[in-house]
Amino acid sequence: LRFDERIISTRMACMGYNEKAFIDNLLRTNRFEIKNGVLMLMENETI
């Protein structure tokens, strides 16, 4: 699983929230697993 780097988003300011880290984690994703109803976005073996 790979997310395209061209993610479009609104641009509200959110104090105390590191949105860049959230998006960066999506972009680092290269695979996924679903176990017991839980979707795990992963980079190789790292959840």
ModelCIF file with pLDDT and N, C-alpha, C, O atoms, coordinates in Angstrom:
data_MODEL
#
_entry.id   MODEL 
#
_entity.id                         1 
_entity.type                       polymer 
_entity.pdbx_number_of_molecules   1 
#
_entity_poly.entity_id                      1 
_entity_poly.type                           'polypeptide(L)' 
_entity_poly.nstd_linkage                   no 
_entity_poly.nstd_monomer                   no 
_entity_poly.pdbx_seq_one_letter_code       LRFDERIISTRMACMGYNEKAFIDNLLRTNRFEIKNGVLMLMENETI 
_entity_poly.pdbx_seq_one_letter_code_can   LRFDERIISTRMACMGYNEKAFIDNLLRTNRFEIKNGVLMLMENETI 
_entity_poly.pdbx_strand_id                 A 
#
loop_
_entity_poly_seq.entity_id 
_entity_poly_seq.num 
_entity_poly_seq.mon_id 
_entity_poly_seq.hetero 
1 1  LEU n 
1 2  ARG n 
1 3  PHE n 
1 4  ASP n 
1 5  GLU n 
1 6  ARG n 
1 7  ILE n 
1 8  ILE n 
1 9  SER n 
1 10 THR n 
1 11 ARG n 
1 12 MET n 
1 13 ALA n 
1 14 CYS n 
1 15 MET n 
1 16 GLY n 
1 17 TYR n 
1 18 ASN n 
1 19 GLU n 
1 20 LYS n 
1 21 ALA n 
1 22 PHE n 
1 23 ILE n 
1 24 ASP n 
1 25 ASN n 
1 26 LEU n 
1 27 LEU n 
1 28 ARG n 
1 29 THR n 
1 30 ASN n 
1 31 ARG n 
1 32 PHE n 
1 33 GLU n 
1 34 ILE n 
1 35 LYS n 
1 36 ASN n 
1 37 GLY n 
1 38 VAL n 
1 39 LEU n 
1 40 MET n 
1 41 LEU n 
1 42 MET n 
1 43 GLU n 
1 44 ASN n 
1 45 GLU n 
1 46 THR n 
1 47 ILE n 
#
_struct_asym.id          A 
_struct_asym.entity_id   1 
#
loop_
_ma_qa_metric.id 
_ma_qa_metric.mode 
_ma_qa_metric.name 
_ma_qa_metric.software_group_id 
_ma_qa_metric.type 
1 global pLDDT . pLDDT 
2 local  pLDDT . pLDDT 
#
_ma_qa_metric_global.metric_id      1 
_ma_qa_metric_global.metric_value   92.43 
_ma_qa_metric_global.model_id       1 
_ma_qa_metric_global.ordinal_id     1 
#
loop_
_ma_qa_metric_local.label_asym_id 
_ma_qa_metric_local.label_comp_id 
_ma_qa_metric_local.label_seq_id 
_ma_qa_metric_local.metric_id 
_ma_qa_metric_local.metric_value 
_ma_qa_metric_local.model_id 
_ma_qa_metric_local.ordinal_id 
A LEU 1  2 96.00 1 1  
A ARG 2  2 97.00 1 2  
A PHE 3  2 96.00 1 3  
A ASP 4  2 96.00 1 4  
A GLU 5  2 95.00 1 5  
A ARG 6  2 95.00 1 6  
A ILE 7  2 95.00 1 7  
A ILE 8  2 95.00 1 8  
A SER 9  2 94.00 1 9  
A THR 10 2 94.00 1 10 
A ARG 11 2 90.00 1 11 
A MET 12 2 90.00 1 12 
A ALA 13 2 87.00 1 13 
A CYS 14 2 83.00 1 14 
A MET 15 2 81.00 1 15 
A GLY 16 2 77.00 1 16 
A TYR 17 2 81.00 1 17 
A ASN 18 2 84.00 1 18 
A GLU 19 2 88.00 1 19 
A LYS 20 2 89.00 1 20 
A ALA 21 2 89.00 1 21 
A PHE 22 2 90.00 1 22 
A ILE 23 2 93.00 1 23 
A ASP 24 2 94.00 1 24 
A ASN 25 2 92.00 1 25 
A LEU 26 2 95.00 1 26 
A LEU 27 2 96.00 1 27 
A ARG 28 2 96.00 1 28 
A THR 29 2 97.00 1 29 
A ASN 30 2 97.00 1 30 
A ARG 31 2 97.00 1 31 
A PHE 32 2 96.00 1 32 
A GLU 33 2 94.00 1 33 
A ILE 34 2 93.00 1 34 
A LYS 35 2 90.00 1 35 
A ASN 36 2 88.00 1 36 
A GLY 37 2 90.00 1 37 
A VAL 38 2 92.00 1 38 
A LEU 39 2 94.00 1 39 
A MET 40 2 95.00 1 40 
A LEU 41 2 96.00 1 41 
A MET 42 2 96.00 1 42 
A GLU 43 2 97.00 1 43 
A ASN 44 2 97.00 1 44 
A GLU 45 2 96.00 1 45 
A THR 46 2 96.00 1 46 
A ILE 47 2 95.00 1 47 
#
loop_
_atom_site.group_PDB 
_atom_site.id 
_atom_site.type_symbol 
_atom_site.label_atom_id 
_atom_site.label_alt_id 
_atom_site.label_comp_id 
_atom_site.label_asym_id 
_atom_site.label_entity_id 
_atom_site.label_seq_id 
_atom_site.pdbx_PDB_ins_code 
_atom_site.Cartn_x 
_atom_site.Cartn_y 
_atom_site.Cartn_z 
_atom_site.occupancy 
_atom_site.B_iso_or_equiv 
_atom_site.pdbx_formal_charge 
_atom_site.auth_seq_id 
_atom_site.auth_comp_id 
_atom_site.auth_asym_id 
_atom_site.auth_atom_id 
_atom_site.pdbx_PDB_model_num 
ATOM 1   N N  . LEU A 1 1  ? 0.853   -1.192 0.000  1.00 96.00 ? 1  LEU A N  1 
ATOM 2   C CA . LEU A 1 1  ? 0.000   0.000  0.000  1.00 96.00 ? 1  LEU A CA 1 
ATOM 3   C C  . LEU A 1 1  ? 0.885   1.237  0.000  1.00 96.00 ? 1  LEU A C  1 
ATOM 4   O O  . LEU A 1 1  ? 1.767   1.383  0.846  1.00 96.00 ? 1  LEU A O  1 
ATOM 5   N N  . ARG A 1 2  ? 0.643   2.113  -0.947 1.00 97.00 ? 2  ARG A N  1 
ATOM 6   C CA . ARG A 1 2  ? 1.386   3.379  -1.026 1.00 97.00 ? 2  ARG A CA 1 
ATOM 7   C C  . ARG A 1 2  ? 0.402   4.514  -1.254 1.00 97.00 ? 2  ARG A C  1 
ATOM 8   O O  . ARG A 1 2  ? -0.497  4.426  -2.090 1.00 97.00 ? 2  ARG A O  1 
ATOM 9   N N  . PHE A 1 3  ? 0.595   5.591  -0.482 1.00 96.00 ? 3  PHE A N  1 
ATOM 10  C CA . PHE A 1 3  ? -0.201  6.797  -0.657 1.00 96.00 ? 3  PHE A CA 1 
ATOM 11  C C  . PHE A 1 3  ? 0.538   7.708  -1.623 1.00 96.00 ? 3  PHE A C  1 
ATOM 12  O O  . PHE A 1 3  ? 1.749   7.898  -1.509 1.00 96.00 ? 3  PHE A O  1 
ATOM 13  N N  . ASP A 1 4  ? -0.196  8.270  -2.574 1.00 96.00 ? 4  ASP A N  1 
ATOM 14  C CA . ASP A 1 4  ? 0.387   9.244  -3.498 1.00 96.00 ? 4  ASP A CA 1 
ATOM 15  C C  . ASP A 1 4  ? 0.750   10.496 -2.712 1.00 96.00 ? 4  ASP A C  1 
ATOM 16  O O  . ASP A 1 4  ? -0.022  10.937 -1.862 1.00 96.00 ? 4  ASP A O  1 
ATOM 17  N N  . GLU A 1 5  ? 1.900   11.064 -2.982 1.00 95.00 ? 5  GLU A N  1 
ATOM 18  C CA . GLU A 1 5  ? 2.375   12.230 -2.217 1.00 95.00 ? 5  GLU A CA 1 
ATOM 19  C C  . GLU A 1 5  ? 1.542   13.485 -2.455 1.00 95.00 ? 5  GLU A C  1 
ATOM 20  O O  . GLU A 1 5  ? 1.670   14.456 -1.710 1.00 95.00 ? 5  GLU A O  1 
ATOM 21  N N  . ARG A 1 6  ? 0.703   13.481 -3.467 1.00 95.00 ? 6  ARG A N  1 
ATOM 22  C CA . ARG A 1 6  ? -0.129  14.658 -3.763 1.00 95.00 ? 6  ARG A CA 1 
ATOM 23  C C  . ARG A 1 6  ? -1.433  14.606 -2.976 1.00 95.00 ? 6  ARG A C  1 
ATOM 24  O O  . ARG A 1 6  ? -2.515  14.512 -3.555 1.00 95.00 ? 6  ARG A O  1 
ATOM 25  N N  . ILE A 1 7  ? -1.321  14.669 -1.659 1.00 95.00 ? 7  ILE A N  1 
ATOM 26  C CA . ILE A 1 7  ? -2.494  14.687 -0.786 1.00 95.00 ? 7  ILE A CA 1 
ATOM 27  C C  . ILE A 1 7  ? -3.014  16.118 -0.718 1.00 95.00 ? 7  ILE A C  1 
ATOM 28  O O  . ILE A 1 7  ? -2.263  17.052 -0.440 1.00 95.00 ? 7  ILE A O  1 
ATOM 29  N N  . ILE A 1 8  ? -4.295  16.273 -0.974 1.00 95.00 ? 8  ILE A N  1 
ATOM 30  C CA . ILE A 1 8  ? -4.935  17.592 -0.939 1.00 95.00 ? 8  ILE A CA 1 
ATOM 31  C C  . ILE A 1 8  ? -5.622  17.730 0.419  1.00 95.00 ? 8  ILE A C  1 
ATOM 32  O O  . ILE A 1 8  ? -6.299  16.808 0.873  1.00 95.00 ? 8  ILE A O  1 
ATOM 33  N N  . SER A 1 9  ? -5.447  18.882 1.064  1.00 94.00 ? 9  SER A N  1 
ATOM 34  C CA . SER A 1 9  ? -6.121  19.074 2.352  1.00 94.00 ? 9  SER A CA 1 
ATOM 35  C C  . SER A 1 9  ? -6.509  20.529 2.536  1.00 94.00 ? 9  SER A C  1 
ATOM 36  O O  . SER A 1 9  ? -5.963  21.435 1.906  1.00 94.00 ? 9  SER A O  1 
ATOM 37  N N  . THR A 1 10 ? -7.479  20.716 3.428  1.00 94.00 ? 10 THR A N  1 
ATOM 38  C CA . THR A 1 10 ? -7.826  22.076 3.820  1.00 94.00 ? 10 THR A CA 1 
ATOM 39  C C  . THR A 1 10 ? -6.666  22.607 4.658  1.00 94.00 ? 10 THR A C  1 
ATOM 40  O O  . THR A 1 10 ? -5.784  21.835 5.036  1.00 94.00 ? 10 THR A O  1 
ATOM 41  N N  . ARG A 1 11 ? -6.645  23.887 4.952  1.00 90.00 ? 11 ARG A N  1 
ATOM 42  C CA . ARG A 1 11 ? -5.492  24.494 5.631  1.00 90.00 ? 11 ARG A CA 1 
ATOM 43  C C  . ARG A 1 11 ? -5.861  25.260 6.896  1.00 90.00 ? 11 ARG A C  1 
ATOM 44  O O  . ARG A 1 11 ? -5.420  26.393 7.089  1.00 90.00 ? 11 ARG A O  1 
ATOM 45  N N  . MET A 1 12 ? -6.672  24.643 7.761  1.00 90.00 ? 12 MET A N  1 
ATOM 46  C CA . MET A 1 12 ? -6.994  25.286 9.032  1.00 90.00 ? 12 MET A CA 1 
ATOM 47  C C  . MET A 1 12 ? -5.781  25.170 9.953  1.00 90.00 ? 12 MET A C  1 
ATOM 48  O O  . MET A 1 12 ? -5.057  24.175 9.922  1.00 90.00 ? 12 MET A O  1 
ATOM 49  N N  . ALA A 1 13 ? -5.575  26.177 10.754 1.00 87.00 ? 13 ALA A N  1 
ATOM 50  C CA . ALA A 1 13 ? -4.504  26.134 11.753 1.00 87.00 ? 13 ALA A CA 1 
ATOM 51  C C  . ALA A 1 13 ? -4.999  25.336 12.954 1.00 87.00 ? 13 ALA A C  1 
ATOM 52  O O  . ALA A 1 13 ? -6.099  25.572 13.453 1.00 87.00 ? 13 ALA A O  1 
ATOM 53  N N  . CYS A 1 14 ? -4.191  24.399 13.410 1.00 83.00 ? 14 CYS A N  1 
ATOM 54  C CA . CYS A 1 14 ? -4.568  23.561 14.544 1.00 83.00 ? 14 CYS A CA 1 
ATOM 55  C C  . CYS A 1 14 ? -3.461  23.617 15.576 1.00 83.00 ? 14 CYS A C  1 
ATOM 56  O O  . CYS A 1 14 ? -2.439  22.940 15.460 1.00 83.00 ? 14 CYS A O  1 
ATOM 57  N N  . MET A 1 15 ? -3.680  24.415 16.559 1.00 81.00 ? 15 MET A N  1 
ATOM 58  C CA . MET A 1 15 ? -2.679  24.604 17.607 1.00 81.00 ? 15 MET A CA 1 
ATOM 59  C C  . MET A 1 15 ? -2.470  23.306 18.388 1.00 81.00 ? 15 MET A C  1 
ATOM 60  O O  . MET A 1 15 ? -3.434  22.632 18.752 1.00 81.00 ? 15 MET A O  1 
ATOM 61  N N  . GLY A 1 16 ? -1.228  22.966 18.639 1.00 77.00 ? 16 GLY A N  1 
ATOM 62  C CA . GLY A 1 16 ? -0.902  21.790 19.431 1.00 77.00 ? 16 GLY A CA 1 
ATOM 63  C C  . GLY A 1 16 ? -1.005  20.475 18.684 1.00 77.00 ? 16 GLY A C  1 
ATOM 64  O O  . GLY A 1 16 ? -0.989  19.414 19.306 1.00 77.00 ? 16 GLY A O  1 
ATOM 65  N N  . TYR A 1 17 ? -1.112  20.520 17.351 1.00 81.00 ? 17 TYR A N  1 
ATOM 66  C CA . TYR A 1 17 ? -1.250  19.289 16.584 1.00 81.00 ? 17 TYR A CA 1 
ATOM 67  C C  . TYR A 1 17 ? -0.211  19.275 15.473 1.00 81.00 ? 17 TYR A C  1 
ATOM 68  O O  . TYR A 1 17 ? -0.107  20.232 14.706 1.00 81.00 ? 17 TYR A O  1 
ATOM 69  N N  . ASN A 1 18 ? 0.554   18.202 15.384 1.00 84.00 ? 18 ASN A N  1 
ATOM 70  C CA . ASN A 1 18 ? 1.600   18.078 14.375 1.00 84.00 ? 18 ASN A CA 1 
ATOM 71  C C  . ASN A 1 18 ? 1.056   17.321 13.164 1.00 84.00 ? 18 ASN A C  1 
ATOM 72  O O  . ASN A 1 18 ? 1.273   16.118 13.014 1.00 84.00 ? 18 ASN A O  1 
ATOM 73  N N  . GLU A 1 19 ? 0.352   18.044 12.315 1.00 88.00 ? 19 GLU A N  1 
ATOM 74  C CA . GLU A 1 19 ? -0.261  17.434 11.146 1.00 88.00 ? 19 GLU A CA 1 
ATOM 75  C C  . GLU A 1 19 ? 0.779   16.913 10.162 1.00 88.00 ? 19 GLU A C  1 
ATOM 76  O O  . GLU A 1 19 ? 0.547   15.910 9.487  1.00 88.00 ? 19 GLU A O  1 
ATOM 77  N N  . LYS A 1 20 ? 1.914   17.583 10.075 1.00 89.00 ? 20 LYS A N  1 
ATOM 78  C CA . LYS A 1 20 ? 2.973   17.140 9.158  1.00 89.00 ? 20 LYS A CA 1 
ATOM 79  C C  . LYS A 1 20 ? 3.430   15.727 9.514  1.00 89.00 ? 20 LYS A C  1 
ATOM 80  O O  . LYS A 1 20 ? 3.650   14.912 8.618  1.00 89.00 ? 20 LYS A O  1 
ATOM 81  N N  . ALA A 1 21 ? 3.575   15.422 10.794 1.00 89.00 ? 21 ALA A N  1 
ATOM 82  C CA . ALA A 1 21 ? 3.975   14.080 11.217 1.00 89.00 ? 21 ALA A CA 1 
ATOM 83  C C  . ALA A 1 21 ? 2.930   13.042 10.802 1.00 89.00 ? 21 ALA A C  1 
ATOM 84  O O  . ALA A 1 21 ? 3.282   11.933 10.398 1.00 89.00 ? 21 ALA A O  1 
ATOM 85  N N  . PHE A 1 22 ? 1.652   13.398 10.901 1.00 90.00 ? 22 PHE A N  1 
ATOM 86  C CA . PHE A 1 22 ? 0.569   12.496 10.501 1.00 90.00 ? 22 PHE A CA 1 
ATOM 87  C C  . PHE A 1 22 ? 0.670   12.187 9.002  1.00 90.00 ? 22 PHE A C  1 
ATOM 88  O O  . PHE A 1 22 ? 0.633   11.023 8.602  1.00 90.00 ? 22 PHE A O  1 
ATOM 89  N N  . ILE A 1 23 ? 0.796   13.233 8.177  1.00 93.00 ? 23 ILE A N  1 
ATOM 90  C CA . ILE A 1 23 ? 0.896   13.057 6.721  1.00 93.00 ? 23 ILE A CA 1 
ATOM 91  C C  . ILE A 1 23 ? 2.167   12.292 6.361  1.00 93.00 ? 23 ILE A C  1 
ATOM 92  O O  . ILE A 1 23 ? 2.143   11.412 5.500  1.00 93.00 ? 23 ILE A O  1 
ATOM 93  N N  . ASP A 1 24 ? 3.277   12.625 7.020  1.00 94.00 ? 24 ASP A N  1 
ATOM 94  C CA . ASP A 1 24 ? 4.538   11.922 6.752  1.00 94.00 ? 24 ASP A CA 1 
ATOM 95  C C  . ASP A 1 24 ? 4.407   10.427 7.017  1.00 94.00 ? 24 ASP A C  1 
ATOM 96  O O  . ASP A 1 24 ? 4.956   9.617  6.270  1.00 94.00 ? 24 ASP A O  1 
ATOM 97  N N  . ASN A 1 25 ? 3.682   10.051 8.080  1.00 92.00 ? 25 ASN A N  1 
ATOM 98  C CA . ASN A 1 25 ? 3.479   8.628  8.354  1.00 92.00 ? 25 ASN A CA 1 
ATOM 99  C C  . ASN A 1 25 ? 2.659   7.956  7.262  1.00 92.00 ? 25 ASN A C  1 
ATOM 100 O O  . ASN A 1 25 ? 2.939   6.815  6.894  1.00 92.00 ? 25 ASN A O  1 
ATOM 101 N N  . LEU A 1 26 ? 1.658   8.641  6.745  1.00 95.00 ? 26 LEU A N  1 
ATOM 102 C CA . LEU A 1 26 ? 0.907   8.071  5.625  1.00 95.00 ? 26 LEU A CA 1 
ATOM 103 C C  . LEU A 1 26 ? 1.842   7.832  4.438  1.00 95.00 ? 26 LEU A C  1 
ATOM 104 O O  . LEU A 1 26 ? 1.788   6.783  3.795  1.00 95.00 ? 26 LEU A O  1 
ATOM 105 N N  . LEU A 1 27 ? 2.701   8.817  4.157  1.00 96.00 ? 27 LEU A N  1 
ATOM 106 C CA . LEU A 1 27 ? 3.595   8.712  3.001  1.00 96.00 ? 27 LEU A CA 1 
ATOM 107 C C  . LEU A 1 27 ? 4.695   7.669  3.203  1.00 96.00 ? 27 LEU A C  1 
ATOM 108 O O  . LEU A 1 27 ? 5.237   7.158  2.223  1.00 96.00 ? 27 LEU A O  1 
ATOM 109 N N  . ARG A 1 28 ? 5.030   7.350  4.430  1.00 96.00 ? 28 ARG A N  1 
ATOM 110 C CA . ARG A 1 28 ? 6.019   6.305  4.714  1.00 96.00 ? 28 ARG A CA 1 
ATOM 111 C C  . ARG A 1 28 ? 5.433   4.908  4.543  1.00 96.00 ? 28 ARG A C  1 
ATOM 112 O O  . ARG A 1 28 ? 6.179   3.941  4.391  1.00 96.00 ? 28 ARG A O  1 
ATOM 113 N N  . THR A 1 29 ? 4.122   4.794  4.566  1.00 97.00 ? 29 THR A N  1 
ATOM 114 C CA . THR A 1 29 ? 3.449   3.493  4.478  1.00 97.00 ? 29 THR A CA 1 
ATOM 115 C C  . THR A 1 29 ? 3.816   2.786  3.184  1.00 97.00 ? 29 THR A C  1 
ATOM 116 O O  . THR A 1 29 ? 3.741   3.375  2.105  1.00 97.00 ? 29 THR A O  1 
ATOM 117 N N  . ASN A 1 30 ? 4.218   1.509  3.293  1.00 97.00 ? 30 ASN A N  1 
ATOM 118 C CA . ASN A 1 30 ? 4.467   0.719  2.086  1.00 97.00 ? 30 ASN A CA 1 
ATOM 119 C C  . ASN A 1 30 ? 3.748   -0.633 2.117  1.00 97.00 ? 30 ASN A C  1 
ATOM 120 O O  . ASN A 1 30 ? 3.806   -1.401 1.157  1.00 97.00 ? 30 ASN A O  1 
ATOM 121 N N  . ARG A 1 31 ? 3.070   -0.911 3.237  1.00 97.00 ? 31 ARG A N  1 
ATOM 122 C CA . ARG A 1 31 ? 2.272   -2.138 3.312  1.00 97.00 ? 31 ARG A CA 1 
ATOM 123 C C  . ARG A 1 31 ? 1.238   -2.007 4.425  1.00 97.00 ? 31 ARG A C  1 
ATOM 124 O O  . ARG A 1 31 ? 1.259   -1.060 5.211  1.00 97.00 ? 31 ARG A O  1 
ATOM 125 N N  . PHE A 1 32 ? 0.340   -2.976 4.470  1.00 96.00 ? 32 PHE A N  1 
ATOM 126 C CA . PHE A 1 32 ? -0.679  -2.971 5.520  1.00 96.00 ? 32 PHE A CA 1 
ATOM 127 C C  . PHE A 1 32 ? -1.013  -4.401 5.903  1.00 96.00 ? 32 PHE A C  1 
ATOM 128 O O  . PHE A 1 32 ? -0.759  -5.341 5.151  1.00 96.00 ? 32 PHE A O  1 
ATOM 129 N N  . GLU A 1 33 ? -1.586  -4.545 7.083  1.00 94.00 ? 33 GLU A N  1 
ATOM 130 C CA . GLU A 1 33 ? -2.134  -5.815 7.555  1.00 94.00 ? 33 GLU A CA 1 
ATOM 131 C C  . GLU A 1 33 ? -3.444  -5.514 8.261  1.00 94.00 ? 33 GLU A C  1 
ATOM 132 O O  . GLU A 1 33 ? -3.611  -4.453 8.862  1.00 94.00 ? 33 GLU A O  1 
ATOM 133 N N  . ILE A 1 34 ? -4.366  -6.453 8.182  1.00 93.00 ? 34 ILE A N  1 
ATOM 134 C CA . ILE A 1 34 ? -5.603  -6.353 8.957  1.00 93.00 ? 34 ILE A CA 1 
ATOM 135 C C  . ILE A 1 34 ? -5.665  -7.600 9.818  1.00 93.00 ? 34 ILE A C  1 
ATOM 136 O O  . ILE A 1 34 ? -5.775  -8.714 9.306  1.00 93.00 ? 34 ILE A O  1 
ATOM 137 N N  . LYS A 1 35 ? -5.594  -7.410 11.137 1.00 90.00 ? 35 LYS A N  1 
ATOM 138 C CA . LYS A 1 35 ? -5.657  -8.522 12.088 1.00 90.00 ? 35 LYS A CA 1 
ATOM 139 C C  . LYS A 1 35 ? -6.698  -8.201 13.144 1.00 90.00 ? 35 LYS A C  1 
ATOM 140 O O  . LYS A 1 35 ? -6.676  -7.133 13.756 1.00 90.00 ? 35 LYS A O  1 
ATOM 141 N N  . ASN A 1 36 ? -7.605  -9.139 13.348 1.00 88.00 ? 36 ASN A N  1 
ATOM 142 C CA . ASN A 1 36 ? -8.660  -8.981 14.356 1.00 88.00 ? 36 ASN A CA 1 
ATOM 143 C C  . ASN A 1 36 ? -9.400  -7.661 14.210 1.00 88.00 ? 36 ASN A C  1 
ATOM 144 O O  . ASN A 1 36 ? -9.738  -7.019 15.205 1.00 88.00 ? 36 ASN A O  1 
ATOM 145 N N  . GLY A 1 37 ? -9.653  -7.253 12.960 1.00 90.00 ? 37 GLY A N  1 
ATOM 146 C CA . GLY A 1 37 ? -10.405 -6.031 12.718 1.00 90.00 ? 37 GLY A CA 1 
ATOM 147 C C  . GLY A 1 37 ? -9.609  -4.750 12.878 1.00 90.00 ? 37 GLY A C  1 
ATOM 148 O O  . GLY A 1 37 ? -10.180 -3.660 12.845 1.00 90.00 ? 37 GLY A O  1 
ATOM 149 N N  . VAL A 1 38 ? -8.295  -4.864 13.051 1.00 92.00 ? 38 VAL A N  1 
ATOM 150 C CA . VAL A 1 38 ? -7.442  -3.684 13.195 1.00 92.00 ? 38 VAL A CA 1 
ATOM 151 C C  . VAL A 1 38 ? -6.569  -3.559 11.950 1.00 92.00 ? 38 VAL A C  1 
ATOM 152 O O  . VAL A 1 38 ? -5.832  -4.479 11.593 1.00 92.00 ? 38 VAL A O  1 
ATOM 153 N N  . LEU A 1 39 ? -6.666  -2.403 11.300 1.00 94.00 ? 39 LEU A N  1 
ATOM 154 C CA . LEU A 1 39 ? -5.841  -2.089 10.134 1.00 94.00 ? 39 LEU A CA 1 
ATOM 155 C C  . LEU A 1 39 ? -4.537  -1.488 10.642 1.00 94.00 ? 39 LEU A C  1 
ATOM 156 O O  . LEU A 1 39 ? -4.544  -0.505 11.384 1.00 94.00 ? 39 LEU A O  1 
ATOM 157 N N  . MET A 1 40 ? -3.429  -2.081 10.241 1.00 95.00 ? 40 MET A N  1 
ATOM 158 C CA . MET A 1 40 ? -2.116  -1.559 10.621 1.00 95.00 ? 40 MET A CA 1 
ATOM 159 C C  . MET A 1 40 ? -1.422  -1.049 9.362  1.00 95.00 ? 40 MET A C  1 
ATOM 160 O O  . MET A 1 40 ? -1.140  -1.816 8.442  1.00 95.00 ? 40 MET A O  1 
ATOM 161 N N  . LEU A 1 41 ? -1.150  0.256  9.334  1.00 96.00 ? 41 LEU A N  1 
ATOM 162 C CA . LEU A 1 41 ? -0.359  0.839  8.260  1.00 96.00 ? 41 LEU A CA 1 
ATOM 163 C C  . LEU A 1 41 ? 1.092   0.692  8.674  1.00 96.00 ? 41 LEU A C  1 
ATOM 164 O O  . LEU A 1 41 ? 1.466   1.046  9.793  1.00 96.00 ? 41 LEU A O  1 
ATOM 165 N N  . MET A 1 42 ? 1.915   0.164  7.763  1.00 96.00 ? 42 MET A N  1 
ATOM 166 C CA . MET A 1 42 ? 3.270   -0.207 8.136  1.00 96.00 ? 42 MET A CA 1 
ATOM 167 C C  . MET A 1 42 ? 4.307   0.298  7.143  1.00 96.00 ? 42 MET A C  1 
ATOM 168 O O  . MET A 1 42 ? 4.018   0.556  5.975  1.00 96.00 ? 42 MET A O  1 
ATOM 169 N N  . GLU A 1 43 ? 5.532   0.429  7.659  1.00 97.00 ? 43 GLU A N  1 
ATOM 170 C CA . GLU A 1 43 ? 6.706   0.634  6.817  1.00 97.00 ? 43 GLU A CA 1 
ATOM 171 C C  . GLU A 1 43 ? 7.568   -0.600 7.053  1.00 97.00 ? 43 GLU A C  1 
ATOM 172 O O  . GLU A 1 43 ? 8.183   -0.743 8.110  1.00 97.00 ? 43 GLU A O  1 
ATOM 173 N N  . ASN A 1 44 ? 7.608   -1.489 6.062  1.00 97.00 ? 44 ASN A N  1 
ATOM 174 C CA . ASN A 1 44 ? 8.240   -2.800 6.199  1.00 97.00 ? 44 ASN A CA 1 
ATOM 175 C C  . ASN A 1 44 ? 7.603   -3.543 7.373  1.00 97.00 ? 44 ASN A C  1 
ATOM 176 O O  . ASN A 1 44 ? 6.426   -3.895 7.289  1.00 97.00 ? 44 ASN A O  1 
ATOM 177 N N  . GLU A 1 45 ? 8.329   -3.796 8.462  1.00 96.00 ? 45 GLU A N  1 
ATOM 178 C CA . GLU A 1 45 ? 7.766   -4.508 9.609  1.00 96.00 ? 45 GLU A CA 1 
ATOM 179 C C  . GLU A 1 45 ? 7.370   -3.575 10.751 1.00 96.00 ? 45 GLU A C  1 
ATOM 180 O O  . GLU A 1 45 ? 6.869   -4.031 11.779 1.00 96.00 ? 45 GLU A O  1 
ATOM 181 N N  . THR A 1 46 ? 7.592   -2.271 10.575 1.00 96.00 ? 46 THR A N  1 
ATOM 182 C CA . THR A 1 46 ? 7.288   -1.294 11.618 1.00 96.00 ? 46 THR A CA 1 
ATOM 183 C C  . THR A 1 46 ? 5.853   -0.790 11.490 1.00 96.00 ? 46 THR A C  1 
ATOM 184 O O  . THR A 1 46 ? 5.460   -0.307 10.428 1.00 96.00 ? 46 THR A O  1 
ATOM 185 N N  . ILE A 1 47 ? 5.078   -0.898 12.547 1.00 95.00 ? 47 ILE A N  1 
ATOM 186 C CA . ILE A 1 47 ? 3.703   -0.390 12.550 1.00 95.00 ? 47 ILE A CA 1 
ATOM 187 C C  . ILE A 1 47 ? 3.756   1.122  12.746 1.00 95.00 ? 47 ILE A C  1 
ATOM 188 O O  . ILE A 1 47 ? 2.714   1.777  12.782 1.00 95.00 ? 47 ILE A O  1 
#
